Amino acid sequence: MKEKMASFSHVYIDESGDLGSYGSKYFVVAAIKIDNPLTLSRIIKKLREKKLNKKIKELHEIKANNSNRKIREYILENVRKINCEIFVI
């Protein structure tokens, strides 16, 4: 009898905004659920290799609000093509 392997999904969560006493007007929590995290890694790797200048390539985190429209569109267009679920509150 064959046993089924467990299937795992990966969920990445991030927030934007500030809930402090002088907090921002909006607070957003977003998550992306994906079965194969390498798919996202490849998108970011290609972005770093082809679209970013040397100074930005070495940053640990790429912030959308500090990125130009071309970079944001590149990421969104490529994420749109992969098998994932996106949740936003």
C-alpha atoms as a PDB file:
ATOM      1  CA  MET A   1       0.000   0.000   0.000  1.00  0.00           C
ATOM      2  CA  LYS A   2       1.379   3.392  -1.013  1.00  0.00           C
ATOM      3  CA  GLU A   3       1.364   6.188   1.504  1.00  0.00           C
ATOM      4  CA  LYS A   4       0.551   9.674   0.335  1.00  0.00           C
ATOM      5  CA  MET A   5       3.169  12.299   0.969  1.00  0.00           C
ATOM      6  CA  ALA A   6       1.924  15.298   2.888  1.00  0.00           C
ATOM      7  CA  SER A   7       1.590  18.415   0.771  1.00  0.00           C
ATOM      8  CA  PHE A   8       2.657  21.696   2.357  1.00  0.00           C
ATOM      9  CA  SER A   9       1.976  25.235   1.322  1.00  0.00           C
ATOM     10  CA  HIS A  10       4.122  28.191   2.268  1.00  0.00           C
ATOM     11  CA  VAL A  11       2.550  31.438   3.410  1.00  0.00           C
ATOM     12  CA  TYR A  12       4.432  34.734   3.442  1.00  0.00           C
ATOM     13  CA  ILE A  13       2.872  37.606   5.397  1.00  0.00           C
ATOM     14  CA  ASP A  14       3.782  41.281   5.437  1.00  0.00           C
ATOM     15  CA  GLU A  15       2.257  44.464   6.791  1.00  0.00           C
ATOM     16  CA  SER A  16       2.300  48.066   5.759  1.00  0.00           C
ATOM     17  CA  GLY A  17       1.412  50.985   7.973  1.00  0.00           C
ATOM     18  CA  ASP A  18       1.819  52.057  11.563  1.00  0.00           C
ATOM     19  CA  LEU A  19      -0.591  51.509  14.457  1.00  0.00           C
ATOM     20  CA  GLY A  20       1.329  53.801  16.842  1.00  0.00           C
ATOM     21  CA  SER A  21      -0.086  56.905  18.512  1.00  0.00           C
ATOM     22  CA  TYR A  22       0.656  58.947  15.346  1.00  0.00           C
ATOM     23  CA  GLY A  23      -0.135  55.983  13.103  1.00  0.00           C
ATOM     24  CA  SER A  24      -0.680  56.051   9.398  1.00  0.00           C
ATOM     25  CA  LYS A  25      -4.087  56.486   7.794  1.00  0.00           C
ATOM     26  CA  TYR A  26      -4.085  52.887   6.526  1.00  0.00           C
ATOM     27  CA  PHE A  27      -2.793  49.605   7.912  1.00  0.00           C
ATOM     28  CA  VAL A  28      -2.643  46.666   5.482  1.00  0.00           C
ATOM     29  CA  VAL A  29      -1.797  43.006   6.041  1.00  0.00           C
ATOM     30  CA  ALA A  30      -1.140  40.897   2.944  1.00  0.00           C
ATOM     31  CA  ALA A  31      -0.271  37.231   2.506  1.00  0.00           C
ATOM     32  CA  ILE A  32       0.696  35.038  -0.414  1.00  0.00           C
ATOM     33  CA  LYS A  33       0.174  31.276  -0.258  1.00  0.00           C
ATOM     34  CA  ILE A  34       2.268  29.140  -2.592  1.00  0.00           C
ATOM     35  CA  ASP A  35       3.085  25.440  -2.838  1.00  0.00           C
ATOM     36  CA  ASN A  36       6.572  25.905  -4.287  1.00  0.00           C
ATOM     37  CA  PRO A  37       8.541  28.758  -2.679  1.00  0.00           C
ATOM     38  CA  LEU A  38      11.276  28.428  -5.320  1.00  0.00           C
ATOM     39  CA  THR A  39       8.887  30.018  -7.793  1.00  0.00           C
ATOM     40  CA  LEU A  40       8.905  33.279  -5.824  1.00  0.00           C
ATOM     41  CA  SER A  41      12.640  33.057  -5.239  1.00  0.00           C
ATOM     42  CA  ARG A  42      13.240  32.846  -8.984  1.00  0.00           C
ATOM     43  CA  ILE A  43      11.143  35.949  -9.639  1.00  0.00           C
ATOM     44  CA  ILE A  44      13.149  37.951  -7.098  1.00  0.00           C
ATOM     45  CA  LYS A  45      16.466  36.493  -8.309  1.00  0.00           C
ATOM     46  CA  LYS A  46      15.720  37.509 -11.912  1.00  0.00           C
ATOM     47  CA  LEU A  47      14.630  40.944 -10.715  1.00  0.00           C
ATOM     48  CA  ARG A  48      17.913  41.414  -8.845  1.00  0.00           C
ATOM     49  CA  GLU A  49      19.953  40.186 -11.829  1.00  0.00           C
ATOM     50  CA  LYS A  50      18.220  42.114 -14.606  1.00  0.00           C
ATOM     51  CA  LYS A  51      16.260  45.076 -13.300  1.00  0.00           C
ATOM     52  CA  LEU A  52      18.078  46.549 -10.296  1.00  0.00           C
ATOM     53  CA  ASN A  53      21.133  48.749 -10.116  1.00  0.00           C
ATOM     54  CA  LYS A  54      24.113  47.563  -8.059  1.00  0.00           C
ATOM     55  CA  LYS A  55      23.265  49.633  -4.967  1.00  0.00           C
ATOM     56  CA  ILE A  56      19.746  48.196  -4.695  1.00  0.00           C
ATOM     57  CA  LYS A  57      20.748  44.618  -5.630  1.00  0.00           C
ATOM     58  CA  GLU A  58      22.540  44.169  -2.333  1.00  0.00           C
ATOM     59  CA  LEU A  59      19.670  45.271  -0.075  1.00  0.00           C
ATOM     60  CA  HIS A  60      18.168  42.537   2.095  1.00  0.00           C
ATOM     61  CA  GLU A  61      14.601  43.653   1.384  1.00  0.00           C
ATOM     62  CA  ILE A  62      13.126  45.356  -1.669  1.00  0.00           C
ATOM     63  CA  LYS A  63      10.485  47.873  -0.584  1.00  0.00           C
ATOM     64  CA  ALA A  64       7.688  48.637  -3.039  1.00  0.00           C
ATOM     65  CA  ASN A  65       7.329  52.235  -1.843  1.00  0.00           C
ATOM     66  CA  ASN A  66      11.041  52.820  -2.567  1.00  0.00           C
ATOM     67  CA  SER A  67      10.884  51.100  -5.967  1.00  0.00           C
ATOM     68  CA  ASN A  68       9.947  52.609  -9.279  1.00  0.00           C
ATOM     69  CA  ARG A  69       6.848  51.675 -11.260  1.00  0.00           C
ATOM     70  CA  LYS A  70       8.795  49.387 -13.602  1.00  0.00           C
ATOM     71  CA  ILE A  71      10.010  47.208 -10.705  1.00  0.00           C
ATOM     72  CA  ARG A  72       6.558  47.000  -9.082  1.00  0.00           C
ATOM     73  CA  GLU A  73       4.963  46.072 -12.427  1.00  0.00           C
ATOM     74  CA  TYR A  74       7.632  43.420 -13.076  1.00  0.00           C
ATOM     75  CA  ILE A  75       6.949  41.715  -9.742  1.00  0.00           C
ATOM     76  CA  LEU A  76       3.156  41.926 -10.003  1.00  0.00           C
ATOM     77  CA  GLU A  77       3.120  40.686 -13.602  1.00  0.00           C
ATOM     78  CA  ASN A  78       5.282  37.673 -12.734  1.00  0.00           C
ATOM     79  CA  VAL A  79       3.376  36.818  -9.554  1.00  0.00           C
ATOM     80  CA  ARG A  80       0.154  36.986 -11.577  1.00  0.00           C
ATOM     81  CA  LYS A  81       1.461  34.151 -13.784  1.00  0.00           C
ATOM     82  CA  ILE A  82       2.239  31.677 -10.987  1.00  0.00           C
ATOM     83  CA  ASN A  83      -0.003  29.323  -9.061  1.00  0.00           C
ATOM     84  CA  CYS A  84      -0.615  31.163  -5.789  1.00  0.00           C
ATOM     85  CA  GLU A  85      -3.302  32.737  -3.643  1.00  0.00           C
ATOM     86  CA  ILE A  86      -3.120  36.311  -2.375  1.00  0.00           C
ATOM     87  CA  PHE A  87      -5.002  37.597   0.678  1.00  0.00           C
ATOM     88  CA  VAL A  88      -5.262  41.235   1.804  1.00  0.00           C
ATOM     89  CA  ILE A  89      -6.930  42.863   4.800  1.00  0.00           C
END
